[in-house]
Amino acid sequence: MEILVVGSVALDTVTTPFGEAREVLGGSATYFASSASFFAPVSVVAVVGEDFPMEALEFLRRREVDLTGLERRPGRTFRWRGEYGFALNEAKTLETQLNVFAEFHPRLPERYREREVVFLANIDPDLQREVLTQVLSPRLVAADTMNFWIQGKPEALRQTLKQVQILIINDAEARMLAQEPNLVRAAKTILGWGPRSLVIKRGEYGALSFSDGGWFAAPALPLENVYDPTGAGDAFAGGFLGFLASTRNFDEANLRRGVIMGSVMASFAVEAFSLHRLQHLTYPEIEARYRQFKQLAHFASAQGKAAVESAFVTGAGEGNRTLTVSLGTRYRSWSVGR
């Protein structure tokens, strides 16, 4: 299944306790496409200015990401400048220059209209619905949002959520959106507005997913090297939806596997500034880290028997403990059994 992502392509300046990167490649669509392209074909709709270094996207072309929908307009590219302290879950925005992104109205190339999986990255909820009027019959629509839209356009966002199957946001956004400090109660409120599933990203504390099929908690992998968490949430979304698209399976057990794969991709994104780690990532590294996550979530009963295997392997009530995914000649076949 092919994926459409609509979001931003940007130039970021980021400072963390471990260094600084100036005017580097960023943006929600860029991180998402870089991550998802390991699993399925990806098409990007975004806008950049005439100052954007197009050669920075060459690695996406080598991954066969379709950039036909990337517009280049007169003016300056969207820029974000931020910093992190040692609490890497919290970014402090120092400057945002929307530039050409301020007038962005997504226009889908004709062949994009048939994409079966759609990710509406963090853009104006009215624009998110504009995109949905242009796609024909997607099987899965997922969306992200942020505090700016939650506070500034709550009714527009509620209208968008009626057309979304999966909402992917962080814990602070979930609490703000539902106006509820408890995440379990917040999830129930949000699911009542339309989405079938809610995935809550919790940074170094892992991820939670909520749906009618139950709740699922995924751990975060302890890492020795964490340099820049910028874009990790979009890398998570790319791994999550890329895996679902590659398997063509949206049931509860596979959603849980997808959460783990999203966590795998996010764990790589934070290991270097910008997209450097994702640019140089390999399939064997992804497979090895997936196995690390499996080991994190595996434990034995007090009687010494293997009492629990993580839900992303067996699934609720699923007898078959091995899933083999065939992704064709361009994409790796994934075996996520034991």
Foldseek 3Di string as FASTA:
>chain_A
DEEEEEWEWEFEWEAEPVGIDGRATAILQVLLLLQLLQFHEYEYAYEAEPPDDVVNCVLSVVSVHHDPNYYYYHKHGWYWYWYDYPPQVDIDTDDTDCIVVVPDQGDDDLVVLAEQEYEYEADALVSVVVVVVRHDHHVAYEYEYDPCCLVPPVPSNLVSQQVHQEYEYALVVLCSNQVHNDNVVSQVSSVVSHHQKYKHQHPQQAIWMDGPVGIATFGADDDPAFAHLRNLSSSLVSQLVSQCVQQVDDDPLQSNLSSLRSSLRSNQCRRDPDCVSSSPDDPVSSQVVSVVSQVVPWDPDPVRHRDDGHSNQQNVPRDDRWDWTDRPDSHDIDINGD
